[in-house]
Amino acid sequence: MDELFFVWIRGLDGRPKPQIWDVDQFSGPEWKFRHVIARHALDVKARGMGLDMLAKLFPAPPGFEEWT
């Protein structure tokens, strides 16, 4: 089973945006990583949760506007 991550990225407007990335996405272009502000490995239980639930479980790092 592939490893999945819940990722906060900096959106074009500067606000954090939640996404789910496969481990393979971390081997892509370097420009992607400049936008990653936090990442959390997802266990089997967390993989079934939606982005809203994951955002509550793993909030955006301090200093960024809260995503809603």
PDB file of N, CA and C in Angstrom:
ATOM      1  N   MET A   1       0.842  -1.181   0.000  1.00  0.00           N
ATOM      2  CA  MET A   1       0.000   0.000   0.000  1.00  0.00           C
ATOM      3  C   MET A   1       0.886   1.243   0.000  1.00  0.00           C
ATOM      4  N   ASP A   2       0.555   2.187  -0.873  1.00  0.00           N
ATOM      5  CA  ASP A   2       1.333   3.420  -0.964  1.00  0.00           C
ATOM      6  C   ASP A   2       1.155   4.270   0.279  1.00  0.00           C
ATOM      7  N   GLU A   3       2.196   5.012   0.592  1.00  0.00           N
ATOM      8  CA  GLU A   3       2.146   5.909   1.743  1.00  0.00           C
ATOM      9  C   GLU A   3       1.498   7.220   1.310  1.00  0.00           C
ATOM     10  N   LEU A   4       0.566   7.712   2.128  1.00  0.00           N
ATOM     11  CA  LEU A   4      -0.121   8.969   1.843  1.00  0.00           C
ATOM     12  C   LEU A   4       0.201   9.989   2.920  1.00  0.00           C
ATOM     13  N   PHE A   5       0.182  11.269   2.528  1.00  0.00           N
ATOM     14  CA  PHE A   5       0.465  12.366   3.433  1.00  0.00           C
ATOM     15  C   PHE A   5      -0.618  13.420   3.315  1.00  0.00           C
ATOM     16  N   PHE A   6      -1.000  13.994   4.454  1.00  0.00           N
ATOM     17  CA  PHE A   6      -1.817  15.189   4.477  1.00  0.00           C
ATOM     18  C   PHE A   6      -0.832  16.354   4.457  1.00  0.00           C
ATOM     19  N   VAL A   7      -0.995  17.254   3.501  1.00  0.00           N
ATOM     20  CA  VAL A   7      -0.019  18.317   3.269  1.00  0.00           C
ATOM     21  C   VAL A   7      -0.714  19.676   3.294  1.00  0.00           C
ATOM     22  N   TRP A   8      -0.091  20.626   3.978  1.00  0.00           N
ATOM     23  CA  TRP A   8      -0.507  22.023   3.864  1.00  0.00           C
ATOM     24  C   TRP A   8       0.449  22.686   2.887  1.00  0.00           C
ATOM     25  N   ILE A   9      -0.104  23.288   1.838  1.00  0.00           N
ATOM     26  CA  ILE A   9       0.725  24.037   0.889  1.00  0.00           C
ATOM     27  C   ILE A   9       0.322  25.504   0.943  1.00  0.00           C
ATOM     28  N   ARG A  10       1.234  26.355   0.537  1.00  0.00           N
ATOM     29  CA  ARG A  10       0.931  27.782   0.429  1.00  0.00           C
ATOM     30  C   ARG A  10       0.293  28.002  -0.935  1.00  0.00           C
ATOM     31  N   GLY A  11      -0.969  28.438  -0.928  1.00  0.00           N
ATOM     32  CA  GLY A  11      -1.691  28.686  -2.166  1.00  0.00           C
ATOM     33  C   GLY A  11      -1.191  29.932  -2.881  1.00  0.00           C
ATOM     34  N   LEU A  12      -1.723  30.170  -4.058  1.00  0.00           N
ATOM     35  CA  LEU A  12      -1.323  31.343  -4.834  1.00  0.00           C
ATOM     36  C   LEU A  12      -1.656  32.642  -4.114  1.00  0.00           C
ATOM     37  N   ASP A  13      -2.683  32.604  -3.260  1.00  0.00           N
ATOM     38  CA  ASP A  13      -3.052  33.795  -2.498  1.00  0.00           C
ATOM     39  C   ASP A  13      -2.281  33.906  -1.183  1.00  0.00           C
ATOM     40  N   GLY A  14      -1.360  32.974  -0.930  1.00  0.00           N
ATOM     41  CA  GLY A  14      -0.541  33.002   0.280  1.00  0.00           C
ATOM     42  C   GLY A  14      -1.148  32.266   1.457  1.00  0.00           C
ATOM     43  N   ARG A  15      -2.415  31.872   1.340  1.00  0.00           N
ATOM     44  CA  ARG A  15      -3.074  31.157   2.433  1.00  0.00           C
ATOM     45  C   ARG A  15      -2.808  29.664   2.327  1.00  0.00           C
ATOM     46  N   PRO A  16      -2.801  28.955   3.464  1.00  0.00           N
ATOM     47  CA  PRO A  16      -2.565  27.514   3.430  1.00  0.00           C
ATOM     48  C   PRO A  16      -3.755  26.767   2.839  1.00  0.00           C
ATOM     49  N   LYS A  17      -3.450  25.758   2.038  1.00  0.00           N
ATOM     50  CA  LYS A  17      -4.460  24.918   1.405  1.00  0.00           C
ATOM     51  C   LYS A  17      -4.125  23.462   1.725  1.00  0.00           C
ATOM     52  N   PRO A  18      -5.114  22.674   2.146  1.00  0.00           N
ATOM     53  CA  PRO A  18      -4.851  21.268   2.454  1.00  0.00           C
ATOM     54  C   PRO A  18      -4.931  20.398   1.202  1.00  0.00           C
ATOM     55  N   GLN A  19      -4.075  19.408   1.145  1.00  0.00           N
ATOM     56  CA  GLN A  19      -4.075  18.444   0.052  1.00  0.00           C
ATOM     57  C   GLN A  19      -3.641  17.090   0.592  1.00  0.00           C
ATOM     58  N   ILE A  20      -3.929  16.053  -0.172  1.00  0.00           N
ATOM     59  CA  ILE A  20      -3.425  14.720   0.139  1.00  0.00           C
ATOM     60  C   ILE A  20      -2.474  14.333  -0.986  1.00  0.00           C
ATOM     61  N   TRP A  21      -1.252  13.985  -0.610  1.00  0.00           N
ATOM     62  CA  TRP A  21      -0.224  13.613  -1.573  1.00  0.00           C
ATOM     63  C   TRP A  21       0.179  12.169  -1.378  1.00  0.00           C
ATOM     64  N   ASP A  22       0.470  11.515  -2.469  1.00  0.00           N
ATOM     65  CA  ASP A  22       1.087  10.192  -2.466  1.00  0.00           C
ATOM     66  C   ASP A  22       2.585  10.387  -2.256  1.00  0.00           C
ATOM     67  N   VAL A  23       3.246   9.412  -1.708  1.00  0.00           N
ATOM     68  CA  VAL A  23       4.689   9.521  -1.448  1.00  0.00           C
ATOM     69  C   VAL A  23       5.466   9.848  -2.732  1.00  0.00           C
ATOM     70  N   ASP A  24       4.984   9.388  -3.878  1.00  0.00           N
ATOM     71  CA  ASP A  24       5.665   9.645  -5.157  1.00  0.00           C
ATOM     72  C   ASP A  24       5.707  11.129  -5.514  1.00  0.00           C
ATOM     73  N   GLN A  25       4.763  11.908  -5.014  1.00  0.00           N
ATOM     74  CA  GLN A  25       4.741  13.335  -5.335  1.00  0.00           C
ATOM     75  C   GLN A  25       5.903  14.091  -4.695  1.00  0.00           C
ATOM     76  N   PHE A  26       6.537  13.501  -3.696  1.00  0.00           N
ATOM     77  CA  PHE A  26       7.683  14.146  -3.063  1.00  0.00           C
ATOM     78  C   PHE A  26       8.974  13.944  -3.859  1.00  0.00           C
ATOM     79  N   SER A  27       8.909  13.152  -4.916  1.00  0.00           N
ATOM     80  CA  SER A  27      10.093  12.966  -5.748  1.00  0.00           C
ATOM     81  C   SER A  27       9.989  13.777  -7.037  1.00  0.00           C
ATOM     82  N   GLY A  28       9.039  14.695  -7.089  1.00  0.00           N
ATOM     83  CA  GLY A  28       8.825  15.508  -8.275  1.00  0.00           C
ATOM     84  C   GLY A  28       9.696  16.748  -8.302  1.00  0.00           C
ATOM     85  N   PRO A  29       9.258  17.754  -9.073  1.00  0.00           N
ATOM     86  CA  PRO A  29      10.034  18.993  -9.218  1.00  0.00           C
ATOM     87  C   PRO A  29      10.240  19.706  -7.883  1.00  0.00           C
ATOM     88  N   GLU A  30      11.393  20.292  -7.746  1.00  0.00           N
ATOM     89  CA  GLU A  30      11.749  20.972  -6.493  1.00  0.00           C
ATOM     90  C   GLU A  30      10.836  22.151  -6.181  1.00  0.00           C
ATOM     91  N   TRP A  31      10.268  22.819  -7.189  1.00  0.00           N
ATOM     92  CA  TRP A  31       9.423  23.983  -6.940  1.00  0.00           C
ATOM     93  C   TRP A  31       8.232  23.644  -6.064  1.00  0.00           C
ATOM     94  N   LYS A  32       7.754  22.408  -6.130  1.00  0.00           N
ATOM     95  CA  LYS A  32       6.614  21.999  -5.315  1.00  0.00           C
ATOM     96  C   LYS A  32       6.929  22.138  -3.823  1.00  0.00           C
ATOM     97  N   PHE A  33       8.141  21.799  -3.451  1.00  0.00           N
ATOM     98  CA  PHE A  33       8.498  21.739  -2.041  1.00  0.00           C
ATOM     99  C   PHE A  33       8.620  23.114  -1.406  1.00  0.00           C
ATOM    100  N   ARG A  34       8.847  24.124  -2.193  1.00  0.00           N
ATOM    101  CA  ARG A  34       8.901  25.476  -1.647  1.00  0.00           C
ATOM    102  C   ARG A  34       7.531  25.926  -1.154  1.00  0.00           C
ATOM    103  N   HIS A  35       6.473  25.265  -1.625  1.00  0.00           N
ATOM    104  CA  HIS A  35       5.112  25.617  -1.241  1.00  0.00           C
ATOM    105  C   HIS A  35       4.581  24.759  -0.094  1.00  0.00           C
ATOM    106  N   VAL A  36       5.273  23.681   0.260  1.00  0.00           N
ATOM    107  CA  VAL A  36       4.839  22.803   1.347  1.00  0.00           C
ATOM    108  C   VAL A  36       5.213  23.451   2.680  1.00  0.00           C
ATOM    109  N   ILE A  37       4.203  23.665   3.536  1.00  0.00           N
ATOM    110  CA  ILE A  37       4.473  24.283   4.830  1.00  0.00           C
ATOM    111  C   ILE A  37       4.332  23.283   5.978  1.00  0.00           C
ATOM    112  N   ALA A  38       3.711  22.129   5.725  1.00  0.00           N
ATOM    113  CA  ALA A  38       3.605  21.070   6.743  1.00  0.00           C
ATOM    114  C   ALA A  38       3.163  19.782   6.058  1.00  0.00           C
ATOM    115  N   ARG A  39       3.578  18.653   6.622  1.00  0.00           N
ATOM    116  CA  ARG A  39       3.108  17.366   6.109  1.00  0.00           C
ATOM    117  C   ARG A  39       3.008  16.376   7.260  1.00  0.00           C
ATOM    118  N   HIS A  40       2.042  15.484   7.136  1.00  0.00           N
ATOM    119  CA  HIS A  40       1.772  14.483   8.160  1.00  0.00           C
ATOM    120  C   HIS A  40       1.484  13.155   7.458  1.00  0.00           C
ATOM    121  N   ALA A  41       2.205  12.112   7.824  1.00  0.00           N
ATOM    122  CA  ALA A  41       1.942  10.781   7.281  1.00  0.00           C
ATOM    123  C   ALA A  41       0.577  10.317   7.771  1.00  0.00           C
ATOM    124  N   LEU A  42      -0.204   9.706   6.886  1.00  0.00           N
ATOM    125  CA  LEU A  42      -1.542   9.242   7.236  1.00  0.00           C
ATOM    126  C   LEU A  42      -1.527   7.749   7.516  1.00  0.00           C
ATOM    127  N   ASP A  43      -2.043   7.383   8.691  1.00  0.00           N
ATOM    128  CA  ASP A  43      -2.177   5.964   8.994  1.00  0.00           C
ATOM    129  C   ASP A  43      -3.466   5.455   8.337  1.00  0.00           C
ATOM    130  N   VAL A  44      -3.718   4.173   8.461  1.00  0.00           N
ATOM    131  CA  VAL A  44      -4.864   3.548   7.794  1.00  0.00           C
ATOM    132  C   VAL A  44      -6.178   4.205   8.218  1.00  0.00           C
ATOM    133  N   LYS A  45      -6.322   4.513   9.493  1.00  0.00           N
ATOM    134  CA  LYS A  45      -7.546   5.132  10.009  1.00  0.00           C
ATOM    135  C   LYS A  45      -7.763   6.526   9.409  1.00  0.00           C
ATOM    136  N   ALA A  46      -6.706   7.318   9.323  1.00  0.00           N
ATOM    137  CA  ALA A  46      -6.815   8.693   8.828  1.00  0.00           C
ATOM    138  C   ALA A  46      -7.047   8.749   7.319  1.00  0.00           C
ATOM    139  N   ARG A  47      -6.697   7.711   6.591  1.00  0.00           N
ATOM    140  CA  ARG A  47      -6.864   7.716   5.127  1.00  0.00           C
ATOM    141  C   ARG A  47      -8.323   7.821   4.708  1.00  0.00           C
ATOM    142  N   GLY A  48      -9.232   7.388   5.552  1.00  0.00           N
ATOM    143  CA  GLY A  48     -10.651   7.449   5.224  1.00  0.00           C
ATOM    144  C   GLY A  48     -11.299   8.786   5.543  1.00  0.00           C
ATOM    145  N   MET A  49     -10.562   9.689   6.148  1.00  0.00           N
ATOM    146  CA  MET A  49     -11.108  11.000   6.526  1.00  0.00           C
ATOM    147  C   MET A  49     -11.045  11.973   5.354  1.00  0.00           C
ATOM    148  N   GLY A  50     -11.978  12.912   5.332  1.00  0.00           N
ATOM    149  CA  GLY A  50     -11.981  13.968   4.330  1.00  0.00           C
ATOM    150  C   GLY A  50     -11.015  15.084   4.701  1.00  0.00           C
ATOM    151  N   LEU A  51     -10.804  16.005   3.777  1.00  0.00           N
ATOM    152  CA  LEU A  51      -9.881  17.122   4.023  1.00  0.00           C
ATOM    153  C   LEU A  51     -10.315  17.972   5.206  1.00  0.00           C
ATOM    154  N   ASP A  52     -11.616  18.188   5.380  1.00  0.00           N
ATOM    155  CA  ASP A  52     -12.092  19.001   6.503  1.00  0.00           C
ATOM    156  C   ASP A  52     -11.708  18.379   7.838  1.00  0.00           C
ATOM    157  N   MET A  53     -11.907  17.070   7.971  1.00  0.00           N
ATOM    158  CA  MET A  53     -11.563  16.380   9.216  1.00  0.00           C
ATOM    159  C   MET A  53     -10.055  16.379   9.444  1.00  0.00           C
ATOM    160  N   LEU A  54      -9.285  16.145   8.386  1.00  0.00           N
ATOM    161  CA  LEU A  54      -7.827  16.139   8.510  1.00  0.00           C
ATOM    162  C   LEU A  54      -7.301  17.529   8.890  1.00  0.00           C
ATOM    163  N   ALA A  55      -7.931  18.576   8.343  1.00  0.00           N
ATOM    164  CA  ALA A  55      -7.516  19.945   8.669  1.00  0.00           C
ATOM    165  C   ALA A  55      -7.758  20.250  10.146  1.00  0.00           C
ATOM    166  N   LYS A  56      -8.794  19.670  10.725  1.00  0.00           N
ATOM    167  CA  LYS A  56      -9.047  19.852  12.157  1.00  0.00           C
ATOM    168  C   LYS A  56      -8.066  19.045  12.996  1.00  0.00           C
ATOM    169  N   LEU A  57      -7.746  17.847  12.518  1.00  0.00           N
ATOM    170  CA  LEU A  57      -6.806  16.980  13.227  1.00  0.00           C
ATOM    171  C   LEU A  57      -5.375  17.531  13.156  1.00  0.00           C
ATOM    172  N   PHE A  58      -5.006  18.051  11.984  1.00  0.00           N
ATOM    173  CA  PHE A  58      -3.671  18.616  11.746  1.00  0.00           C
ATOM    174  C   PHE A  58      -3.837  20.059  11.264  1.00  0.00           C
ATOM    175  N   PRO A  59      -4.051  21.007  12.170  1.00  0.00           N
ATOM    176  CA  PRO A  59      -4.273  22.399  11.734  1.00  0.00           C
ATOM    177  C   PRO A  59      -3.041  22.998  11.048  1.00  0.00           C
ATOM    178  N   ALA A  60      -3.300  24.051  10.287  1.00  0.00           N
ATOM    179  CA  ALA A  60      -2.205  24.764   9.616  1.00  0.00           C
ATOM    180  C   ALA A  60      -1.223  25.268  10.664  1.00  0.00           C
ATOM    181  N   PRO A  61       0.045  25.335  10.330  1.00  0.00           N
ATOM    182  CA  PRO A  61       1.049  25.822  11.284  1.00  0.00           C
ATOM    183  C   PRO A  61       0.747  27.244  11.754  1.00  0.00           C
ATOM    184  N   PRO A  62       1.161  27.586  12.970  1.00  0.00           N
ATOM    185  CA  PRO A  62       0.957  28.946  13.477  1.00  0.00           C
ATOM    186  C   PRO A  62       1.572  29.981  12.546  1.00  0.00           C
ATOM    187  N   GLY A  63       0.924  31.124  12.473  1.00  0.00           N
ATOM    188  CA  GLY A  63       1.434  32.204  11.633  1.00  0.00           C
ATOM    189  C   GLY A  63       0.773  32.253  10.268  1.00  0.00           C
ATOM    190  N   PHE A  64      -0.066  31.268   9.964  1.00  0.00           N
ATOM    191  CA  PHE A  64      -0.781  31.252   8.692  1.00  0.00           C
ATOM    192  C   PHE A  64      -2.257  31.428   8.977  1.00  0.00           C
ATOM    193  N   GLU A  65      -2.968  32.065   8.062  1.00  0.00           N
ATOM    194  CA  GLU A  65      -4.399  32.217   8.232  1.00  0.00           C
ATOM    195  C   GLU A  65      -5.048  30.844   8.239  1.00  0.00           C
ATOM    196  N   GLU A  66      -6.036  30.675   9.073  1.00  0.00           N
ATOM    197  CA  GLU A  66      -6.721  29.385   9.164  1.00  0.00           C
ATOM    198  C   GLU A  66      -7.510  29.145   7.886  1.00  0.00           C
ATOM    199  N   TRP A  67      -7.425  27.936   7.369  1.00  0.00           N
ATOM    200  CA  TRP A  67      -8.160  27.566   6.170  1.00  0.00           C
ATOM    201  C   TRP A  67      -9.585  27.248   6.541  1.00  0.00           C
ATOM    202  N   THR A  68     -10.520  27.806   5.822  1.00  0.00           N
ATOM    203  CA  THR A  68     -11.929  27.491   6.042  1.00  0.00           C
ATOM    204  C   THR A  68     -12.617  27.286   4.734  1.00  0.00           C
TER     205      THR A  68
END
